[in-house]
Amino acid sequence: MHEHRRFDDEAATWDDDPGHERRQVAVARAIEEAVDLGPTTSAVDIGGGTGRLSILLADRVGSVVVTDPSAGMVRVARERIDTAGLGDRLRAVQADLTVDRLEGTYDVAWSSMALHHVHDLDGLLRAVAALLADGGRLAIADLDKDPDGAFHADKTDFDGHHGFDRHHLAEQLTRAGFADIRFRDATTIRKGDRDFGLFLCTATKRNEPSAPR
């Protein structure tokens, strides 16, 4: 809950950080290269914050639902969507997908730097799989394993994951119902005197077996 309050407090100025913008542009480019998007594609943004990633990708898809647990972030996302004139395609809702049910079925789910805040990662991945159509695509950008916790060392309230081991995350995705799991380097974040790597992981929801007739 402490982190939610921090994101509420920081939401209004979040996009002012040029590093955030560079990161989202790089992630959007990586998703465009890795996932087939089109004018009828429906997408859901997991922990989408101010909606910046979805705004960058808006012209490549038909619709996006931006979700975030932080009321402050959702409020800013709605303002950003209105300012961009994208209210016909994008909407933002306050939702924690580990516990909140979202209506609809989606072709793509994407996320940037959100998963490391999620305690019940297995639960979230199962929930996202349930939102995707058979053959739907997942695109996750997040930190590579940071064993000494240096990236979040300045955040005294941080209680999430210090990055992800790619092999272990692939195993979690497999258990949640995904296949064709692939990783690529997406970008780096400079913090202090170190560069931290961000990966883009893509996966495909496995087709559910047909019920016997």
C-alpha atoms as a PDB file:
ATOM      1  CA  MET A   1       0.000   0.000   0.000  1.00  0.00           C
ATOM      2  CA  HIS A   2       2.908   2.370   0.670  1.00  0.00           C
ATOM      3  CA  GLU A   3       3.968   2.107  -2.958  1.00  0.00           C
ATOM      4  CA  HIS A   4       0.446   2.914  -4.150  1.00  0.00           C
ATOM      5  CA  ARG A   5       0.563   6.113  -2.111  1.00  0.00           C
ATOM      6  CA  ARG A   6       3.963   6.987  -3.560  1.00  0.00           C
ATOM      7  CA  PHE A   7       2.662   6.515  -7.101  1.00  0.00           C
ATOM      8  CA  ASP A   8      -0.427   8.593  -6.259  1.00  0.00           C
ATOM      9  CA  ASP A   9       1.863  11.385  -5.067  1.00  0.00           C
ATOM     10  CA  GLU A  10       4.263  11.186  -8.026  1.00  0.00           C
ATOM     11  CA  ALA A  11       1.684  10.675 -10.797  1.00  0.00           C
ATOM     12  CA  ALA A  12       1.311  14.323 -11.848  1.00  0.00           C
ATOM     13  CA  THR A  13       5.043  14.771 -12.527  1.00  0.00           C
ATOM     14  CA  TRP A  14       5.906  11.198 -13.537  1.00  0.00           C
ATOM     15  CA  ASP A  15       6.187  11.956 -17.261  1.00  0.00           C
ATOM     16  CA  ASP A  16       8.408  14.985 -16.615  1.00  0.00           C
ATOM     17  CA  ASP A  17      11.380  12.652 -16.124  1.00  0.00           C
ATOM     18  CA  PRO A  18      13.128  12.428 -19.529  1.00  0.00           C
ATOM     19  CA  GLY A  19      14.402   8.983 -18.570  1.00  0.00           C
ATOM     20  CA  HIS A  20      10.845   7.686 -18.307  1.00  0.00           C
ATOM     21  CA  GLU A  21      10.049   9.006 -21.778  1.00  0.00           C
ATOM     22  CA  ARG A  22      13.162   7.450 -23.350  1.00  0.00           C
ATOM     23  CA  ARG A  23      12.324   4.141 -21.722  1.00  0.00           C
ATOM     24  CA  GLN A  24       8.717   4.113 -22.911  1.00  0.00           C
ATOM     25  CA  VAL A  25       9.695   5.057 -26.463  1.00  0.00           C
ATOM     26  CA  ALA A  26      12.245   2.221 -26.525  1.00  0.00           C
ATOM     27  CA  VAL A  27       9.731  -0.274 -25.120  1.00  0.00           C
ATOM     28  CA  ALA A  28       7.047   0.824 -27.592  1.00  0.00           C
ATOM     29  CA  ARG A  29       9.499   0.316 -30.451  1.00  0.00           C
ATOM     30  CA  ALA A  30      10.455  -3.133 -29.177  1.00  0.00           C
ATOM     31  CA  ILE A  31       6.784  -4.151 -28.920  1.00  0.00           C
ATOM     32  CA  GLU A  32       6.098  -2.904 -32.450  1.00  0.00           C
ATOM     33  CA  GLU A  33       8.978  -5.026 -33.736  1.00  0.00           C
ATOM     34  CA  ALA A  34       8.046  -8.156 -31.784  1.00  0.00           C
ATOM     35  CA  VAL A  35       4.232  -8.286 -31.907  1.00  0.00           C
ATOM     36  CA  ASP A  36       1.855  -8.070 -34.856  1.00  0.00           C
ATOM     37  CA  LEU A  37      -0.497  -5.153 -34.207  1.00  0.00           C
ATOM     38  CA  GLY A  38      -3.323  -3.899 -36.395  1.00  0.00           C
ATOM     39  CA  PRO A  39      -6.362  -1.625 -36.581  1.00  0.00           C
ATOM     40  CA  THR A  40      -8.640  -4.231 -35.002  1.00  0.00           C
ATOM     41  CA  THR A  41      -6.229  -5.250 -32.212  1.00  0.00           C
ATOM     42  CA  SER A  42      -7.621  -4.878 -28.697  1.00  0.00           C
ATOM     43  CA  ALA A  43      -5.024  -4.427 -25.972  1.00  0.00           C
ATOM     44  CA  VAL A  44      -4.838  -4.218 -22.187  1.00  0.00           C
ATOM     45  CA  ASP A  45      -2.026  -2.352 -20.431  1.00  0.00           C
ATOM     46  CA  ILE A  46      -0.982  -3.953 -17.118  1.00  0.00           C
ATOM     47  CA  GLY A  47       0.114  -1.398 -14.531  1.00  0.00           C
ATOM     48  CA  GLY A  48       0.050   1.251 -17.224  1.00  0.00           C
ATOM     49  CA  GLY A  49       0.649   4.240 -14.945  1.00  0.00           C
ATOM     50  CA  THR A  50       0.089   7.491 -16.821  1.00  0.00           C
ATOM     51  CA  GLY A  51      -0.767   5.568 -19.988  1.00  0.00           C
ATOM     52  CA  ARG A  52       2.292   6.799 -21.859  1.00  0.00           C
ATOM     53  CA  LEU A  53       3.194   3.436 -23.416  1.00  0.00           C
ATOM     54  CA  SER A  54      -0.368   2.901 -24.657  1.00  0.00           C
ATOM     55  CA  ILE A  55      -0.530   6.445 -26.025  1.00  0.00           C
ATOM     56  CA  LEU A  56       2.675   5.779 -27.983  1.00  0.00           C
ATOM     57  CA  LEU A  57       1.166   2.572 -29.393  1.00  0.00           C
ATOM     58  CA  ALA A  58      -2.367   3.925 -29.907  1.00  0.00           C
ATOM     59  CA  ASP A  59      -2.019   4.446 -33.651  1.00  0.00           C
ATOM     60  CA  ARG A  60      -1.005   0.797 -34.091  1.00  0.00           C
ATOM     61  CA  VAL A  61      -4.101  -0.774 -32.490  1.00  0.00           C
ATOM     62  CA  GLY A  62      -7.869  -0.463 -32.329  1.00  0.00           C
ATOM     63  CA  SER A  63      -8.365  -0.005 -28.591  1.00  0.00           C
ATOM     64  CA  VAL A  64      -6.537  -0.139 -25.263  1.00  0.00           C
ATOM     65  CA  VAL A  65      -7.732  -0.438 -21.673  1.00  0.00           C
ATOM     66  CA  VAL A  66      -5.042   1.027 -19.396  1.00  0.00           C
ATOM     67  CA  THR A  67      -5.160  -0.502 -15.913  1.00  0.00           C
ATOM     68  CA  ASP A  68      -3.316   0.578 -12.780  1.00  0.00           C
ATOM     69  CA  PRO A  69      -3.892   0.072  -9.041  1.00  0.00           C
ATOM     70  CA  SER A  70      -2.987   3.716  -8.295  1.00  0.00           C
ATOM     71  CA  ALA A  71      -5.906   6.161  -8.367  1.00  0.00           C
ATOM     72  CA  GLY A  72      -3.485   9.022  -8.963  1.00  0.00           C
ATOM     73  CA  MET A  73      -1.920   7.347 -11.976  1.00  0.00           C
ATOM     74  CA  VAL A  74      -5.324   6.533 -13.467  1.00  0.00           C
ATOM     75  CA  ARG A  75      -6.452  10.120 -13.022  1.00  0.00           C
ATOM     76  CA  VAL A  76      -3.356  11.395 -14.860  1.00  0.00           C
ATOM     77  CA  ALA A  77      -3.753   8.717 -17.556  1.00  0.00           C
ATOM     78  CA  ARG A  78      -7.297   9.914 -18.249  1.00  0.00           C
ATOM     79  CA  GLU A  79      -6.031  13.492 -18.557  1.00  0.00           C
ATOM     80  CA  ARG A  80      -3.220  12.423 -20.909  1.00  0.00           C
ATOM     81  CA  ILE A  81      -5.630  10.392 -23.052  1.00  0.00           C
ATOM     82  CA  ASP A  82      -8.036  13.339 -23.334  1.00  0.00           C
ATOM     83  CA  THR A  83      -5.222  15.767 -24.155  1.00  0.00           C
ATOM     84  CA  ALA A  84      -3.976  13.429 -26.899  1.00  0.00           C
ATOM     85  CA  GLY A  85      -7.489  13.222 -28.367  1.00  0.00           C
ATOM     86  CA  LEU A  86      -7.511   9.445 -27.973  1.00  0.00           C
ATOM     87  CA  GLY A  87     -10.650   9.025 -25.884  1.00  0.00           C
ATOM     88  CA  ASP A  88     -12.310   7.092 -28.708  1.00  0.00           C
ATOM     89  CA  ARG A  89      -9.660   4.331 -28.487  1.00  0.00           C
ATOM     90  CA  LEU A  90      -8.128   4.450 -25.021  1.00  0.00           C
ATOM     91  CA  ARG A  91      -9.632   4.369 -21.555  1.00  0.00           C
ATOM     92  CA  ALA A  92      -8.047   4.088 -18.118  1.00  0.00           C
ATOM     93  CA  VAL A  93      -9.473   2.140 -15.189  1.00  0.00           C
ATOM     94  CA  GLN A  94      -8.268   1.646 -11.637  1.00  0.00           C
ATOM     95  CA  ALA A  95      -7.713  -2.093 -11.299  1.00  0.00           C
ATOM     96  CA  ASP A  96      -5.275  -4.498  -9.705  1.00  0.00           C
ATOM     97  CA  LEU A  97      -5.541  -7.455 -12.049  1.00  0.00           C
ATOM     98  CA  THR A  98      -4.417  -9.905  -9.364  1.00  0.00           C
ATOM     99  CA  VAL A  99      -7.733  -9.307  -7.546  1.00  0.00           C
ATOM    100  CA  ASP A 100      -9.993  -7.199  -9.804  1.00  0.00           C
ATOM    101  CA  ARG A 101     -11.898  -8.760 -12.660  1.00  0.00           C
ATOM    102  CA  LEU A 102     -11.759  -6.943 -15.983  1.00  0.00           C
ATOM    103  CA  GLU A 103     -14.497  -7.468 -18.543  1.00  0.00           C
ATOM    104  CA  GLY A 104     -13.744  -8.452 -22.114  1.00  0.00           C
ATOM    105  CA  THR A 105     -11.276 -10.528 -24.098  1.00  0.00           C
ATOM    106  CA  TYR A 106      -8.136  -9.022 -25.564  1.00  0.00           C
ATOM    107  CA  ASP A 107      -5.694  -9.778 -28.369  1.00  0.00           C
ATOM    108  CA  VAL A 108      -2.605  -8.333 -26.677  1.00  0.00           C
ATOM    109  CA  ALA A 109      -1.505  -7.520 -23.131  1.00  0.00           C
ATOM    110  CA  TRP A 110       1.527  -5.317 -22.600  1.00  0.00           C
ATOM    111  CA  SER A 111       3.378  -3.948 -19.610  1.00  0.00           C
ATOM    112  CA  SER A 112       6.389  -1.760 -18.915  1.00  0.00           C
ATOM    113  CA  MET A 113       8.217  -1.776 -15.580  1.00  0.00           C
ATOM    114  CA  ALA A 114       5.148  -2.925 -13.655  1.00  0.00           C
ATOM    115  CA  LEU A 115       5.732  -6.607 -12.892  1.00  0.00           C
ATOM    116  CA  HIS A 116       8.523  -6.033 -10.387  1.00  0.00           C
ATOM    117  CA  HIS A 117       5.959  -4.328  -8.125  1.00  0.00           C
ATOM    118  CA  VAL A 118       3.597  -7.338  -8.167  1.00  0.00           C
ATOM    119  CA  HIS A 119       3.801  -9.656  -5.154  1.00  0.00           C
ATOM    120  CA  ASP A 120       1.564 -12.434  -6.511  1.00  0.00           C
ATOM    121  CA  LEU A 121       3.178 -12.701  -9.924  1.00  0.00           C
ATOM    122  CA  ASP A 122       1.845 -16.204 -10.620  1.00  0.00           C
ATOM    123  CA  GLY A 123      -1.682 -14.973  -9.863  1.00  0.00           C
ATOM    124  CA  LEU A 124      -1.286 -11.969 -12.137  1.00  0.00           C
ATOM    125  CA  LEU A 125       0.035 -14.047 -15.033  1.00  0.00           C
ATOM    126  CA  ARG A 126      -2.891 -16.468 -14.717  1.00  0.00           C
ATOM    127  CA  ALA A 127      -5.320 -13.515 -14.639  1.00  0.00           C
ATOM    128  CA  VAL A 128      -3.762 -12.000 -17.756  1.00  0.00           C
ATOM    129  CA  ALA A 129      -3.884 -15.337 -19.564  1.00  0.00           C
ATOM    130  CA  ALA A 130      -7.602 -15.507 -18.744  1.00  0.00           C
ATOM    131  CA  LEU A 131      -8.101 -12.071 -20.342  1.00  0.00           C
ATOM    132  CA  LEU A 132      -6.413 -13.055 -23.611  1.00  0.00           C
ATOM    133  CA  ALA A 133      -8.036 -14.803 -26.531  1.00  0.00           C
ATOM    134  CA  ASP A 134      -6.487 -18.126 -27.548  1.00  0.00           C
ATOM    135  CA  GLY A 135      -3.323 -17.233 -29.418  1.00  0.00           C
ATOM    136  CA  GLY A 136      -3.283 -13.793 -27.775  1.00  0.00           C
ATOM    137  CA  ARG A 137       0.078 -12.169 -27.234  1.00  0.00           C
ATOM    138  CA  LEU A 138       1.828 -10.944 -24.114  1.00  0.00           C
ATOM    139  CA  ALA A 139       4.646  -8.375 -24.160  1.00  0.00           C
ATOM    140  CA  ILE A 140       6.381  -7.574 -20.861  1.00  0.00           C
ATOM    141  CA  ALA A 141       9.243  -5.131 -20.423  1.00  0.00           C
ATOM    142  CA  ASP A 142      11.023  -5.224 -17.078  1.00  0.00           C
ATOM    143  CA  LEU A 143      14.357  -5.321 -15.294  1.00  0.00           C
ATOM    144  CA  ASP A 144      16.865  -8.079 -15.646  1.00  0.00           C
ATOM    145  CA  LYS A 145      17.907  -9.730 -12.382  1.00  0.00           C
ATOM    146  CA  ASP A 146      19.406  -7.165  -9.980  1.00  0.00           C
ATOM    147  CA  PRO A 147      20.663  -9.435  -7.170  1.00  0.00           C
ATOM    148  CA  ASP A 148      22.006  -6.684  -4.929  1.00  0.00           C
ATOM    149  CA  GLY A 149      18.866  -4.536  -5.253  1.00  0.00           C
ATOM    150  CA  ALA A 150      20.824  -1.535  -6.478  1.00  0.00           C
ATOM    151  CA  PHE A 151      18.100  -0.228  -8.795  1.00  0.00           C
ATOM    152  CA  HIS A 152      15.641   0.340  -5.957  1.00  0.00           C
ATOM    153  CA  ALA A 153      18.199   1.098  -3.239  1.00  0.00           C
ATOM    154  CA  ASP A 154      16.890   4.668  -2.901  1.00  0.00           C
ATOM    155  CA  LYS A 155      13.266   3.508  -2.404  1.00  0.00           C
ATOM    156  CA  THR A 156      12.955   2.628   1.262  1.00  0.00           C
ATOM    157  CA  ASP A 157       9.373   1.394   0.803  1.00  0.00           C
ATOM    158  CA  PHE A 158      10.152  -0.924  -2.131  1.00  0.00           C
ATOM    159  CA  ASP A 159       9.089  -4.501  -1.381  1.00  0.00           C
ATOM    160  CA  GLY A 160       8.859  -6.001  -4.866  1.00  0.00           C
ATOM    161  CA  HIS A 161      11.164  -8.054  -7.090  1.00  0.00           C
ATOM    162  CA  HIS A 162      14.756  -6.987  -7.747  1.00  0.00           C
ATOM    163  CA  GLY A 163      14.471  -7.739 -11.433  1.00  0.00           C
ATOM    164  CA  PHE A 164      13.814 -11.132 -12.983  1.00  0.00           C
ATOM    165  CA  ASP A 165      15.831 -14.147 -13.955  1.00  0.00           C
ATOM    166  CA  ARG A 166      14.723 -14.815 -17.532  1.00  0.00           C
ATOM    167  CA  HIS A 167      14.691 -18.601 -17.191  1.00  0.00           C
ATOM    168  CA  HIS A 168      12.630 -18.508 -14.011  1.00  0.00           C
ATOM    169  CA  LEU A 169      10.153 -16.015 -15.500  1.00  0.00           C
ATOM    170  CA  ALA A 170       9.777 -18.283 -18.540  1.00  0.00           C
ATOM    171  CA  GLU A 171       8.887 -21.164 -16.208  1.00  0.00           C
ATOM    172  CA  GLN A 172       6.249 -19.008 -14.483  1.00  0.00           C
ATOM    173  CA  LEU A 173       4.769 -18.020 -17.852  1.00  0.00           C
ATOM    174  CA  THR A 174       4.630 -21.659 -18.929  1.00  0.00           C
ATOM    175  CA  ARG A 175       2.735 -22.592 -15.773  1.00  0.00           C
ATOM    176  CA  ALA A 176       0.318 -19.708 -16.355  1.00  0.00           C
ATOM    177  CA  GLY A 177      -0.633 -21.005 -19.811  1.00  0.00           C
ATOM    178  CA  PHE A 178       1.828 -19.341 -22.186  1.00  0.00           C
ATOM    179  CA  ALA A 179       4.071 -20.780 -24.890  1.00  0.00           C
ATOM    180  CA  ASP A 180       6.567 -19.491 -27.497  1.00  0.00           C
ATOM    181  CA  ILE A 181       8.310 -17.455 -24.792  1.00  0.00           C
ATOM    182  CA  ARG A 182      11.091 -15.245 -26.110  1.00  0.00           C
ATOM    183  CA  PHE A 183      13.347 -12.571 -24.661  1.00  0.00           C
ATOM    184  CA  ARG A 184      15.201  -9.712 -26.261  1.00  0.00           C
ATOM    185  CA  ASP A 185      17.134  -6.753 -24.882  1.00  0.00           C
ATOM    186  CA  ALA A 186      14.869  -3.694 -25.013  1.00  0.00           C
ATOM    187  CA  THR A 187      16.889  -0.817 -23.548  1.00  0.00           C
ATOM    188  CA  THR A 188      18.963   0.200 -20.543  1.00  0.00           C
ATOM    189  CA  ILE A 189      18.303   2.591 -17.677  1.00  0.00           C
ATOM    190  CA  ARG A 190      21.165   4.693 -16.331  1.00  0.00           C
ATOM    191  CA  LYS A 191      20.922   5.101 -12.577  1.00  0.00           C
ATOM    192  CA  GLY A 192      23.808   6.499 -10.597  1.00  0.00           C
ATOM    193  CA  ASP A 193      26.935   5.150 -12.239  1.00  0.00           C
ATOM    194  CA  ARG A 194      25.344   1.932 -13.510  1.00  0.00           C
ATOM    195  CA  ASP A 195      23.348   0.754 -16.484  1.00  0.00           C
ATOM    196  CA  PHE A 196      20.464  -1.613 -15.751  1.00  0.00           C
ATOM    197  CA  GLY A 197      19.163  -3.810 -18.553  1.00  0.00           C
ATOM    198  CA  LEU A 198      15.518  -4.045 -19.550  1.00  0.00           C
ATOM    199  CA  PHE A 199      14.258  -7.065 -21.447  1.00  0.00           C
ATOM    200  CA  LEU A 200      11.158  -7.469 -23.574  1.00  0.00           C
ATOM    201  CA  CYS A 201       9.558 -10.862 -23.043  1.00  0.00           C
ATOM    202  CA  THR A 202       6.919 -11.996 -25.525  1.00  0.00           C
ATOM    203  CA  ALA A 203       4.707 -15.047 -25.184  1.00  0.00           C
ATOM    204  CA  THR A 204       1.577 -16.543 -26.731  1.00  0.00           C
ATOM    205  CA  LYS A 205      -1.425 -17.829 -24.840  1.00  0.00           C
ATOM    206  CA  ARG A 206      -1.801 -21.536 -25.495  1.00  0.00           C
ATOM    207  CA  ASN A 207      -5.026 -22.579 -27.202  1.00  0.00           C
ATOM    208  CA  GLU A 208      -7.489 -24.199 -24.840  1.00  0.00           C
ATOM    209  CA  PRO A 209      -8.452 -27.734 -25.881  1.00  0.00           C
ATOM    210  CA  SER A 210     -11.944 -27.932 -27.328  1.00  0.00           C
ATOM    211  CA  ALA A 211     -14.588 -29.458 -25.076  1.00  0.00           C
ATOM    212  CA  PRO A 212     -15.663 -32.933 -26.211  1.00  0.00           C
ATOM    213  CA  ARG A 213     -18.945 -33.046 -28.082  1.00  0.00           C
END
